[in-house]
Amino acid sequence: MNPQNPIHNQIANDIKKYPVVVFMKGTKEAPLCGFSHTVVEIFKMLGAPIHSVDVLSDPTVRDGIKSYTNWPTIPQVFVKGEFIGGCDITRDLFESGELEKKVKSALSPQNS
C-alpha cells in the first residue's frame, strides 16, 4: 500500500469500514464473472453480509486494488481487514471451515 495514493487510501477506508469486502467484477446482486459469482455464493452460504466494490465501473479502482495487494486477479476478498485472496483461496478456506471462523469473528459484536 502506498499512503500517498488516493485510490489506496479509498481501498484502505473500505476495508476498515466493512467486516467483509469483495473487490469484484459486477456487484453482489449481479456478479459479472464466474469467479466473482462463486465468491458471492460462498458468503451467501455463510449468511455473511458483504460490501462489494465493482472494479469494472472504475479502472483506477481495478488497477488500484491490484497494486494495493500485489495480487493480479479479481475478485479480491478481505475479512476484518485481512486480505484473504481470490476465488480459489476463498473456496479452499470455505471448504476447510476456516473462512466461517474468520467471518464469525469479523461479524461478532465485540469486533464492531
C-alpha atoms as a PDB file:
ATOM      1  CA  MET A   1       0.000   0.000   0.000  1.00  0.00           C
ATOM      2  CA  ASN A   2       1.137   3.467  -0.870  1.00  0.00           C
ATOM      3  CA  PRO A   3      -0.338   6.032   1.573  1.00  0.00           C
ATOM      4  CA  GLN A   4       0.199   8.816  -0.970  1.00  0.00           C
ATOM      5  CA  ASN A   5      -2.013   7.044  -3.496  1.00  0.00           C
ATOM      6  CA  PRO A   6      -5.634   8.299  -3.177  1.00  0.00           C
ATOM      7  CA  ILE A   7      -7.054   5.015  -4.502  1.00  0.00           C
ATOM      8  CA  HIS A   8      -5.059   3.060  -1.912  1.00  0.00           C
ATOM      9  CA  ASN A   9      -6.486   5.339   0.782  1.00  0.00           C
ATOM     10  CA  GLN A  10     -10.017   4.766  -0.532  1.00  0.00           C
ATOM     11  CA  ILE A  11      -9.436   0.987  -0.556  1.00  0.00           C
ATOM     12  CA  ALA A  12      -7.991   1.067   2.970  1.00  0.00           C
ATOM     13  CA  ASN A  13     -11.026   3.030   4.189  1.00  0.00           C
ATOM     14  CA  ASP A  14     -13.452   0.489   2.687  1.00  0.00           C
ATOM     15  CA  ILE A  15     -11.522  -2.392   4.212  1.00  0.00           C
ATOM     16  CA  LYS A  16     -11.595  -0.733   7.654  1.00  0.00           C
ATOM     17  CA  LYS A  17     -15.258   0.261   7.388  1.00  0.00           C
ATOM     18  CA  TYR A  18     -16.774  -3.108   6.427  1.00  0.00           C
ATOM     19  CA  PRO A  19     -16.147  -6.535   8.016  1.00  0.00           C
ATOM     20  CA  VAL A  20     -16.217  -8.324   4.628  1.00  0.00           C
ATOM     21  CA  VAL A  21     -15.243  -6.566   1.399  1.00  0.00           C
ATOM     22  CA  VAL A  22     -15.089  -8.112  -2.055  1.00  0.00           C
ATOM     23  CA  PHE A  23     -13.499  -6.224  -4.935  1.00  0.00           C
ATOM     24  CA  MET A  24     -15.182  -7.916  -7.866  1.00  0.00           C
ATOM     25  CA  LYS A  25     -16.439  -7.692 -11.418  1.00  0.00           C
ATOM     26  CA  GLY A  26     -20.012  -6.514 -11.032  1.00  0.00           C
ATOM     27  CA  THR A  27     -21.906  -6.252  -7.764  1.00  0.00           C
ATOM     28  CA  LYS A  28     -23.018  -8.761  -5.156  1.00  0.00           C
ATOM     29  CA  GLU A  29     -26.501  -8.516  -6.686  1.00  0.00           C
ATOM     30  CA  ALA A  30     -25.210  -9.037 -10.227  1.00  0.00           C
ATOM     31  CA  PRO A  31     -21.718 -10.591 -10.470  1.00  0.00           C
ATOM     32  CA  LEU A  32     -20.257 -10.297 -13.966  1.00  0.00           C
ATOM     33  CA  CYS A  33     -17.810 -13.213 -13.907  1.00  0.00           C
ATOM     34  CA  GLY A  34     -17.890 -16.770 -12.666  1.00  0.00           C
ATOM     35  CA  PHE A  35     -15.191 -16.256 -10.048  1.00  0.00           C
ATOM     36  CA  SER A  36     -16.961 -13.242  -8.560  1.00  0.00           C
ATOM     37  CA  HIS A  37     -20.241 -15.195  -8.584  1.00  0.00           C
ATOM     38  CA  THR A  38     -18.602 -18.099  -6.736  1.00  0.00           C
ATOM     39  CA  VAL A  39     -17.258 -15.793  -4.014  1.00  0.00           C
ATOM     40  CA  VAL A  40     -20.662 -14.134  -3.556  1.00  0.00           C
ATOM     41  CA  GLU A  41     -22.331 -17.559  -3.284  1.00  0.00           C
ATOM     42  CA  ILE A  42     -19.823 -18.672  -0.645  1.00  0.00           C
ATOM     43  CA  PHE A  43     -20.648 -15.691   1.541  1.00  0.00           C
ATOM     44  CA  LYS A  44     -24.370 -16.279   0.979  1.00  0.00           C
ATOM     45  CA  MET A  45     -23.931 -19.859   2.223  1.00  0.00           C
ATOM     46  CA  LEU A  46     -22.216 -18.453   5.322  1.00  0.00           C
ATOM     47  CA  GLY A  47     -25.034 -15.938   5.795  1.00  0.00           C
ATOM     48  CA  ALA A  48     -22.442 -13.172   5.799  1.00  0.00           C
ATOM     49  CA  PRO A  49     -23.209  -9.701   4.505  1.00  0.00           C
ATOM     50  CA  ILE A  50     -20.574  -8.375   2.145  1.00  0.00           C
ATOM     51  CA  HIS A  51     -19.689  -4.977   0.798  1.00  0.00           C
ATOM     52  CA  SER A  52     -18.915  -5.316  -2.898  1.00  0.00           C
ATOM     53  CA  VAL A  53     -16.854  -2.904  -4.956  1.00  0.00           C
ATOM     54  CA  ASP A  54     -17.332  -3.132  -8.722  1.00  0.00           C
ATOM     55  CA  VAL A  55     -13.892  -2.806 -10.295  1.00  0.00           C
ATOM     56  CA  LEU A  56     -15.402  -2.609 -13.778  1.00  0.00           C
ATOM     57  CA  SER A  57     -17.078   0.702 -13.018  1.00  0.00           C
ATOM     58  CA  ASP A  58     -13.785   2.442 -12.255  1.00  0.00           C
ATOM     59  CA  PRO A  59     -10.475   1.462 -13.920  1.00  0.00           C
ATOM     60  CA  THR A  60      -8.494   3.298 -11.224  1.00  0.00           C
ATOM     61  CA  VAL A  61     -10.020   1.022  -8.577  1.00  0.00           C
ATOM     62  CA  ARG A  62      -9.375  -2.051 -10.733  1.00  0.00           C
ATOM     63  CA  ASP A  63      -5.698  -1.139 -11.098  1.00  0.00           C
ATOM     64  CA  GLY A  64      -5.505   0.218  -7.555  1.00  0.00           C
ATOM     65  CA  ILE A  65      -6.661  -2.962  -5.827  1.00  0.00           C
ATOM     66  CA  LYS A  66      -4.113  -4.990  -7.780  1.00  0.00           C
ATOM     67  CA  SER A  67      -1.270  -2.696  -6.714  1.00  0.00           C
ATOM     68  CA  TYR A  68      -2.639  -2.419  -3.143  1.00  0.00           C
ATOM     69  CA  THR A  69      -2.408  -6.180  -2.600  1.00  0.00           C
ATOM     70  CA  ASN A  70       0.223  -7.027  -5.213  1.00  0.00           C
ATOM     71  CA  TRP A  71      -2.265  -9.663  -6.413  1.00  0.00           C
ATOM     72  CA  PRO A  72      -3.035  -9.823 -10.145  1.00  0.00           C
ATOM     73  CA  THR A  73      -6.565 -11.239 -10.255  1.00  0.00           C
ATOM     74  CA  ILE A  74     -10.126 -10.244  -9.383  1.00  0.00           C
ATOM     75  CA  PRO A  75     -12.069 -10.921  -7.182  1.00  0.00           C
ATOM     76  CA  GLN A  76     -10.125  -9.974  -4.074  1.00  0.00           C
ATOM     77  CA  VAL A  77     -11.567 -10.749  -0.655  1.00  0.00           C
ATOM     78  CA  PHE A  78     -10.896  -9.036   2.679  1.00  0.00           C
ATOM     79  CA  VAL A  79     -12.232 -10.203   6.036  1.00  0.00           C
ATOM     80  CA  LYS A  80     -11.760  -7.966   9.079  1.00  0.00           C
ATOM     81  CA  GLY A  81      -9.103  -6.001   7.214  1.00  0.00           C
ATOM     82  CA  GLU A  82      -7.118  -9.110   6.261  1.00  0.00           C
ATOM     83  CA  PHE A  83      -6.506  -9.852   2.591  1.00  0.00           C
ATOM     84  CA  ILE A  84      -7.742 -13.412   2.081  1.00  0.00           C
ATOM     85  CA  GLY A  85      -7.019 -13.818  -1.629  1.00  0.00           C
ATOM     86  CA  GLY A  86      -9.049 -14.620  -4.694  1.00  0.00           C
ATOM     87  CA  CYS A  87     -11.713 -17.136  -5.587  1.00  0.00           C
ATOM     88  CA  ASP A  88      -9.637 -20.323  -5.219  1.00  0.00           C
ATOM     89  CA  ILE A  89      -8.250 -19.409  -1.796  1.00  0.00           C
ATOM     90  CA  THR A  90     -11.666 -18.256  -0.599  1.00  0.00           C
ATOM     91  CA  ARG A  91     -13.200 -21.543  -1.762  1.00  0.00           C
ATOM     92  CA  ASP A  92     -10.435 -23.581  -0.101  1.00  0.00           C
ATOM     93  CA  LEU A  93     -10.871 -21.708   3.183  1.00  0.00           C
ATOM     94  CA  PHE A  94     -14.645 -22.203   2.963  1.00  0.00           C
ATOM     95  CA  GLU A  95     -14.277 -25.945   2.364  1.00  0.00           C
ATOM     96  CA  SER A  96     -11.868 -26.315   5.306  1.00  0.00           C
ATOM     97  CA  GLY A  97     -14.150 -24.339   7.654  1.00  0.00           C
ATOM     98  CA  GLU A  98     -11.532 -21.625   8.209  1.00  0.00           C
ATOM     99  CA  LEU A  99     -13.454 -18.952   6.330  1.00  0.00           C
ATOM    100  CA  GLU A 100     -16.514 -19.434   8.533  1.00  0.00           C
ATOM    101  CA  LYS A 101     -14.346 -18.916  11.653  1.00  0.00           C
ATOM    102  CA  LYS A 102     -12.836 -15.736  10.198  1.00  0.00           C
ATOM    103  CA  VAL A 103     -16.246 -14.386   9.192  1.00  0.00           C
ATOM    104  CA  LYS A 104     -17.852 -15.165  12.560  1.00  0.00           C
ATOM    105  CA  SER A 105     -15.006 -13.364  14.290  1.00  0.00           C
ATOM    106  CA  ALA A 106     -15.290 -10.380  11.931  1.00  0.00           C
ATOM    107  CA  LEU A 107     -19.052 -10.105  12.473  1.00  0.00           C
ATOM    108  CA  SER A 108     -19.091 -10.625  16.236  1.00  0.00           C
ATOM    109  CA  PRO A 109     -20.304  -7.567  18.198  1.00  0.00           C
ATOM    110  CA  GLN A 110     -17.050  -7.118  20.137  1.00  0.00           C
ATOM    111  CA  ASN A 111     -15.222  -6.629  16.821  1.00  0.00           C
ATOM    112  CA  SER A 112     -17.519  -3.870  15.581  1.00  0.00           C
END
